All heavy atoms as atom14 arrays in JSON, in Angstrom:
{
  "sequence": "RSEQWAPARSRAYHPAARQGEAARFEFDLLRG",
  "atom14_mask": [
    [1, 1, 1, 1, 1, 1, 1, 1, 1, 1, 1, 0, 0, 0],
    [1, 1, 1, 1, 1, 1, 0, 0, 0, 0, 0, 0, 0, 0],
    [1, 1, 1, 1, 1, 1, 1, 1, 1, 0, 0, 0, 0, 0],
    [1, 1, 1, 1, 1, 1, 1, 1, 1, 0, 0, 0, 0, 0],
    [1, 1, 1, 1, 1, 1, 1, 1, 1, 1, 1, 1, 1, 1],
    [1, 1, 1, 1, 1, 0, 0, 0, 0, 0, 0, 0, 0, 0],
    [1, 1, 1, 1, 1, 1, 1, 0, 0, 0, 0, 0, 0, 0],
    [1, 1, 1, 1, 1, 0, 0, 0, 0, 0, 0, 0, 0, 0],
    [1, 1, 1, 1, 1, 1, 1, 1, 1, 1, 1, 0, 0, 0],
    [1, 1, 1, 1, 1, 1, 0, 0, 0, 0, 0, 0, 0, 0],
    [1, 1, 1, 1, 1, 1, 1, 1, 1, 1, 1, 0, 0, 0],
    [1, 1, 1, 1, 1, 0, 0, 0, 0, 0, 0, 0, 0, 0],
    [1, 1, 1, 1, 1, 1, 1, 1, 1, 1, 1, 1, 0, 0],
    [1, 1, 1, 1, 1, 1, 1, 1, 1, 1, 0, 0, 0, 0],
    [1, 1, 1, 1, 1, 1, 1, 0, 0, 0, 0, 0, 0, 0],
    [1, 1, 1, 1, 1, 0, 0, 0, 0, 0, 0, 0, 0, 0],
    [1, 1, 1, 1, 1, 0, 0, 0, 0, 0, 0, 0, 0, 0],
    [1, 1, 1, 1, 1, 1, 1, 1, 1, 1, 1, 0, 0, 0],
    [1, 1, 1, 1, 1, 1, 1, 1, 1, 0, 0, 0, 0, 0],
    [1, 1, 1, 1, 0, 0, 0, 0, 0, 0, 0, 0, 0, 0],
    [1, 1, 1, 1, 1, 1, 1, 1, 1, 0, 0, 0, 0, 0],
    [1, 1, 1, 1, 1, 0, 0, 0, 0, 0, 0, 0, 0, 0],
    [1, 1, 1, 1, 1, 0, 0, 0, 0, 0, 0, 0, 0, 0],
    [1, 1, 1, 1, 1, 1, 1, 1, 1, 1, 1, 0, 0, 0],
    [1, 1, 1, 1, 1, 1, 1, 1, 1, 1, 1, 0, 0, 0],
    [1, 1, 1, 1, 1, 1, 1, 1, 1, 0, 0, 0, 0, 0],
    [1, 1, 1, 1, 1, 1, 1, 1, 1, 1, 1, 0, 0, 0],
    [1, 1, 1, 1, 1, 1, 1, 1, 0, 0, 0, 0, 0, 0],
    [1, 1, 1, 1, 1, 1, 1, 1, 0, 0, 0, 0, 0, 0],
    [1, 1, 1, 1, 1, 1, 1, 1, 0, 0, 0, 0, 0, 0],
    [1, 1, 1, 1, 1, 1, 1, 1, 1, 1, 1, 0, 0, 0],
    [1, 1, 1, 1, 0, 0, 0, 0, 0, 0, 0, 0, 0, 0]
  ],
  "atom14_positions": [
    [[5.33, -60.93, -16.46], [3.97, -61.33, -16.1], [3.08, -61.51, -17.33], [2.01, -62.09, -17.24], [3.34, -60.32, -15.15], [3.88, -60.42, -13.74], [3.04, -59.6, -12.78], [3.16, -58.17, -12.99], [4.1, -57.41, -12.44], [4.99, -57.93, -11.65], [4.13, -56.11, -12.67], [0.0, 0.0, 0.0], [0.0, 0.0, 0.0], [0.0, 0.0, 0.0]],
    [[3.53, -61.01, -18.48], [2.68, -61.1, -19.67], [2.71, -62.51, -20.24], [3.69, -63.24, -20.13], [3.14, -60.1, -20.73], [4.29, -60.56, -21.39], [0.0, 0.0, 0.0], [0.0, 0.0, 0.0], [0.0, 0.0, 0.0], [0.0, 0.0, 0.0], [0.0, 0.0, 0.0], [0.0, 0.0, 0.0], [0.0, 0.0, 0.0], [0.0, 0.0, 0.0]],
    [[1.62, -62.88, -20.84], [1.49, -64.22, -21.43], [2.47, -64.43, -22.58], [2.89, -65.55, -22.83], [0.06, -64.44, -21.9], [-0.92, -64.56, -20.76], [-2.34, -64.78, -21.24], [-2.51, -65.35, -22.33], [-3.26, -64.38, -20.52], [0.0, 0.0, 0.0], [0.0, 0.0, 0.0], [0.0, 0.0, 0.0], [0.0, 0.0, 0.0], [0.0, 0.0, 0.0]],
    [[2.84, -63.37, -23.26], [3.74, -63.48, -24.4], [5.09, -64.07, -23.98], [5.69, -64.84, -24.72], [3.94, -62.11, -25.04], [4.99, -62.09, -26.13], [5.34, -60.67, -26.55], [4.77, -59.71, -26.08], [6.3, -60.56, -27.44], [0.0, 0.0, 0.0], [0.0, 0.0, 0.0], [0.0, 0.0, 0.0], [0.0, 0.0, 0.0], [0.0, 0.0, 0.0]],
    [[5.58, -63.7, -22.81], [6.91, -64.13, -22.38], [6.88, -65.39, -21.52], [7.92, -65.99, -21.26], [7.6, -63.0, -21.61], [8.07, -61.93, -22.53], [7.36, -60.83, -22.92], [9.31, -61.87, -23.2], [8.11, -60.09, -23.8], [9.31, -60.69, -23.99], [10.43, -62.68, -23.22], [10.39, -60.33, -24.78], [11.52, -62.31, -24.0], [11.49, -61.14, -24.78]],
    [[5.72, -65.82, -21.06], [5.63, -66.96, -20.15], [6.24, -68.25, -20.72], [7.02, -68.91, -20.04], [4.19, -67.19, -19.72], [0.0, 0.0, 0.0], [0.0, 0.0, 0.0], [0.0, 0.0, 0.0], [0.0, 0.0, 0.0], [0.0, 0.0, 0.0], [0.0, 0.0, 0.0], [0.0, 0.0, 0.0], [0.0, 0.0, 0.0], [0.0, 0.0, 0.0]],
    [[5.93, -68.66, -21.95], [6.52, -69.9, -22.46], [8.04, -69.85, -22.55], [8.73, -70.8, -22.19], [5.89, -70.06, -23.85], [4.67, -69.22, -23.84], [4.97, -68.08, -22.9], [0.0, 0.0, 0.0], [0.0, 0.0, 0.0], [0.0, 0.0, 0.0], [0.0, 0.0, 0.0], [0.0, 0.0, 0.0], [0.0, 0.0, 0.0], [0.0, 0.0, 0.0]],
    [[8.57, -68.72, -23.02], [10.03, -68.59, -23.14], [10.69, -68.63, -21.77], [11.75, -69.24, -21.59], [10.39, -67.3, -23.86], [0.0, 0.0, 0.0], [0.0, 0.0, 0.0], [0.0, 0.0, 0.0], [0.0, 0.0, 0.0], [0.0, 0.0, 0.0], [0.0, 0.0, 0.0], [0.0, 0.0, 0.0], [0.0, 0.0, 0.0], [0.0, 0.0, 0.0]],
    [[10.05, -68.02, -20.79], [10.63, -68.02, -19.45], [10.64, -69.44, -18.87], [11.61, -69.86, -18.28], [9.85, -67.09, -18.52], [10.47, -67.07, -17.14], [9.8, -66.14, -16.21], [10.6, -66.05, -15.0], [10.27, -65.39, -13.95], [9.15, -64.72, -13.92], [11.05, -65.36, -12.89], [0.0, 0.0, 0.0], [0.0, 0.0, 0.0], [0.0, 0.0, 0.0]],
    [[9.56, -70.16, -19.05], [9.51, -71.51, -18.48], [10.56, -72.4, -19.13], [11.18, -73.22, -18.46], [8.12, -72.11, -18.61], [7.77, -72.29, -19.96], [0.0, 0.0, 0.0], [0.0, 0.0, 0.0], [0.0, 0.0, 0.0], [0.0, 0.0, 0.0], [0.0, 0.0, 0.0], [0.0, 0.0, 0.0], [0.0, 0.0, 0.0], [0.0, 0.0, 0.0]],
    [[10.81, -72.21, -20.42], [11.86, -73.0, -21.09], [13.24, -72.59, -20.59], [14.09, -73.43, -20.32], [11.79, -72.81, -22.6], [10.72, -73.61, -23.29], [10.91, -73.62, -24.79], [10.98, -72.29, -25.39], [9.91, -71.54, -25.69], [8.68, -71.98, -25.46], [10.07, -70.36, -26.23], [0.0, 0.0, 0.0], [0.0, 0.0, 0.0], [0.0, 0.0, 0.0]],
    [[13.47, -71.27, -20.47], [14.79, -70.78, -20.08], [15.15, -71.19, -18.66], [16.32, -71.42, -18.35], [14.85, -69.26, -20.21], [0.0, 0.0, 0.0], [0.0, 0.0, 0.0], [0.0, 0.0, 0.0], [0.0, 0.0, 0.0], [0.0, 0.0, 0.0], [0.0, 0.0, 0.0], [0.0, 0.0, 0.0], [0.0, 0.0, 0.0], [0.0, 0.0, 0.0]],
    [[14.17, -71.28, -17.78], [14.46, -71.58, -16.38], [14.13, -73.01, -15.99], [14.18, -73.36, -14.82], [13.72, -70.58, -15.48], [14.32, -69.2, -15.6], [13.76, -68.25, -16.44], [15.47, -68.86, -14.9], [14.32, -67.0, -16.59], [16.03, -67.6, -15.04], [15.46, -66.67, -15.88], [16.02, -65.45, -16.01], [0.0, 0.0, 0.0], [0.0, 0.0, 0.0]],
    [[13.81, -73.84, -16.97], [13.55, -75.25, -16.68], [14.84, -75.9, -16.2], [15.93, -75.58, -16.69], [13.03, -75.94, -17.95], [12.56, -77.32, -17.7], [13.41, -78.39, -17.67], [11.33, -77.81, -17.44], [12.74, -79.49, -17.42], [11.46, -79.16, -17.28], [0.0, 0.0, 0.0], [0.0, 0.0, 0.0], [0.0, 0.0, 0.0], [0.0, 0.0, 0.0]],
    [[14.77, -76.82, -15.23], [15.99, -77.46, -14.72], [16.83, -78.13, -15.8], [18.05, -78.22, -15.67], [15.46, -78.5, -13.73], [14.12, -78.01, -13.34], [13.58, -77.26, -14.51], [0.0, 0.0, 0.0], [0.0, 0.0, 0.0], [0.0, 0.0, 0.0], [0.0, 0.0, 0.0], [0.0, 0.0, 0.0], [0.0, 0.0, 0.0], [0.0, 0.0, 0.0]],
    [[16.21, -78.57, -16.89], [16.96, -79.23, -17.95], [17.55, -78.25, -18.97], [18.25, -78.66, -19.89], [16.05, -80.22, -18.67], [0.0, 0.0, 0.0], [0.0, 0.0, 0.0], [0.0, 0.0, 0.0], [0.0, 0.0, 0.0], [0.0, 0.0, 0.0], [0.0, 0.0, 0.0], [0.0, 0.0, 0.0], [0.0, 0.0, 0.0], [0.0, 0.0, 0.0]],
    [[17.27, -76.97, -18.81], [17.76, -75.98, -19.78], [19.27, -75.83, -19.67], [19.86, -75.97, -18.59], [17.09, -74.62, -19.52], [0.0, 0.0, 0.0], [0.0, 0.0, 0.0], [0.0, 0.0, 0.0], [0.0, 0.0, 0.0], [0.0, 0.0, 0.0], [0.0, 0.0, 0.0], [0.0, 0.0, 0.0], [0.0, 0.0, 0.0], [0.0, 0.0, 0.0]],
    [[19.87, -75.52, -20.8], [21.31, -75.27, -20.79], [21.57, -73.96, -20.06], [20.72, -73.08, -20.0], [21.83, -75.21, -22.22], [21.8, -76.56, -22.91], [22.51, -76.49, -24.24], [21.92, -75.51, -25.14], [20.97, -75.79, -26.03], [20.5, -77.0, -26.15], [20.51, -74.83, -26.81], [0.0, 0.0, 0.0], [0.0, 0.0, 0.0], [0.0, 0.0, 0.0]],
    [[22.78, -73.81, -19.55], [23.14, -72.66, -18.71], [22.91, -71.31, -19.4], [22.45, -70.36, -18.79], [24.6, -72.78, -18.28], [25.01, -71.78, -17.25], [26.43, -72.04, -16.77], [27.16, -72.81, -17.36], [26.8, -71.38, -15.7], [0.0, 0.0, 0.0], [0.0, 0.0, 0.0], [0.0, 0.0, 0.0], [0.0, 0.0, 0.0], [0.0, 0.0, 0.0]],
    [[23.18, -71.22, -20.69], [23.07, -69.94, -21.38], [21.65, -69.53, -21.73], [21.42, -68.39, -22.11], [0.0, 0.0, 0.0], [0.0, 0.0, 0.0], [0.0, 0.0, 0.0], [0.0, 0.0, 0.0], [0.0, 0.0, 0.0], [0.0, 0.0, 0.0], [0.0, 0.0, 0.0], [0.0, 0.0, 0.0], [0.0, 0.0, 0.0], [0.0, 0.0, 0.0]],
    [[20.68, -70.43, -21.6], [19.31, -70.09, -21.99], [18.7, -68.99, -21.13], [17.99, -68.13, -21.64], [18.43, -71.34, -21.99], [18.77, -72.26, -23.14], [17.84, -73.44, -23.25], [16.62, -73.23, -23.16], [18.34, -74.56, -23.41], [0.0, 0.0, 0.0], [0.0, 0.0, 0.0], [0.0, 0.0, 0.0], [0.0, 0.0, 0.0], [0.0, 0.0, 0.0]],
    [[18.96, -69.01, -19.83], [18.42, -67.97, -18.96], [19.05, -66.62, -19.3], [18.36, -65.6, -19.36], [18.67, -68.31, -17.49], [0.0, 0.0, 0.0], [0.0, 0.0, 0.0], [0.0, 0.0, 0.0], [0.0, 0.0, 0.0], [0.0, 0.0, 0.0], [0.0, 0.0, 0.0], [0.0, 0.0, 0.0], [0.0, 0.0, 0.0], [0.0, 0.0, 0.0]],
    [[20.36, -66.61, -19.57], [21.02, -65.36, -19.93], [20.5, -64.84, -21.27], [20.27, -63.64, -21.43], [22.53, -65.56, -20.0], [0.0, 0.0, 0.0], [0.0, 0.0, 0.0], [0.0, 0.0, 0.0], [0.0, 0.0, 0.0], [0.0, 0.0, 0.0], [0.0, 0.0, 0.0], [0.0, 0.0, 0.0], [0.0, 0.0, 0.0], [0.0, 0.0, 0.0]],
    [[20.28, -65.73, -22.22], [19.73, -65.33, -23.52], [18.31, -64.78, -23.37], [17.93, -63.8, -24.0], [19.73, -66.54, -24.47], [20.37, -66.26, -25.78], [20.42, -67.42, -26.75], [20.08, -68.74, -26.29], [20.96, -69.64, -25.83], [22.23, -69.32, -25.74], [20.57, -70.83, -25.45], [0.0, 0.0, 0.0], [0.0, 0.0, 0.0], [0.0, 0.0, 0.0]],
    [[17.53, -65.42, -22.5], [16.17, -64.95, -22.24], [16.19, -63.52, -21.68], [15.47, -62.65, -22.15], [15.46, -65.89, -21.26], [14.13, -65.38, -20.79], [13.01, -65.52, -21.59], [14.0, -64.76, -19.57], [11.78, -65.05, -21.17], [12.78, -64.29, -19.14], [11.66, -64.43, -19.94], [0.0, 0.0, 0.0], [0.0, 0.0, 0.0], [0.0, 0.0, 0.0]],
    [[17.05, -63.28, -20.67], [17.15, -61.94, -20.08], [17.6, -60.92, -21.12], [17.08, -59.81, -21.18], [18.13, -61.93, -18.89], [17.63, -62.66, -17.68], [16.42, -62.0, -17.02], [16.14, -60.81, -17.26], [15.76, -62.7, -16.25], [0.0, 0.0, 0.0], [0.0, 0.0, 0.0], [0.0, 0.0, 0.0], [0.0, 0.0, 0.0], [0.0, 0.0, 0.0]],
    [[18.58, -61.31, -21.93], [19.06, -60.4, -22.97], [17.94, -60.04, -23.93], [17.73, -58.87, -24.26], [20.24, -61.03, -23.72], [20.75, -60.17, -24.84], [21.62, -59.12, -24.57], [20.34, -60.37, -26.14], [22.09, -58.31, -25.59], [20.79, -59.56, -27.17], [21.67, -58.52, -26.9], [0.0, 0.0, 0.0], [0.0, 0.0, 0.0], [0.0, 0.0, 0.0]],
    [[17.2, -61.04, -24.4], [16.09, -60.78, -25.33], [15.02, -59.9, -24.7], [14.46, -59.01, -25.34], [15.47, -62.09, -25.8], [16.36, -62.85, -26.76], [17.33, -62.27, -27.27], [16.09, -64.05, -26.98], [0.0, 0.0, 0.0], [0.0, 0.0, 0.0], [0.0, 0.0, 0.0], [0.0, 0.0, 0.0], [0.0, 0.0, 0.0], [0.0, 0.0, 0.0]],
    [[14.72, -60.16, -23.43], [13.7, -59.39, -22.72], [14.12, -57.92, -22.63], [13.36, -57.01, -22.98], [13.51, -59.99, -21.33], [12.41, -59.4, -20.46], [11.06, -59.92, -20.93], [12.64, -59.8, -19.02], [0.0, 0.0, 0.0], [0.0, 0.0, 0.0], [0.0, 0.0, 0.0], [0.0, 0.0, 0.0], [0.0, 0.0, 0.0], [0.0, 0.0, 0.0]],
    [[15.35, -57.68, -22.18], [15.83, -56.31, -22.03], [16.07, -55.63, -23.38], [15.83, -54.43, -23.52], [17.1, -56.29, -21.17], [16.86, -56.67, -19.7], [18.17, -56.87, -18.97], [16.01, -55.63, -19.0], [0.0, 0.0, 0.0], [0.0, 0.0, 0.0], [0.0, 0.0, 0.0], [0.0, 0.0, 0.0], [0.0, 0.0, 0.0], [0.0, 0.0, 0.0]],
    [[16.5, -56.39, -24.37], [16.68, -55.83, -25.71], [15.35, -55.33, -26.26], [15.27, -54.26, -26.87], [17.26, -56.9, -26.63], [17.53, -56.42, -28.03], [18.19, -57.55, -28.84], [17.9, -57.38, -30.23], [16.87, -57.91, -30.88], [16.03, -58.7, -30.26], [16.68, -57.67, -32.15], [0.0, 0.0, 0.0], [0.0, 0.0, 0.0], [0.0, 0.0, 0.0]],
    [[14.28, -56.06, -26.0], [12.96, -55.63, -26.43], [12.56, -54.31, -25.8], [11.96, -53.45, -26.45], [0.0, 0.0, 0.0], [0.0, 0.0, 0.0], [0.0, 0.0, 0.0], [0.0, 0.0, 0.0], [0.0, 0.0, 0.0], [0.0, 0.0, 0.0], [0.0, 0.0, 0.0], [0.0, 0.0, 0.0], [0.0, 0.0, 0.0], [0.0, 0.0, 0.0]]
  ]
}
């Protein structure tokens, strides 16, 4: 919900995103 992660999430879950981008986003989020 934070503004810091909003742009990265929209890129990771965009229909044109590559398959691994959502997984990388989740990994980065949880790693933080």
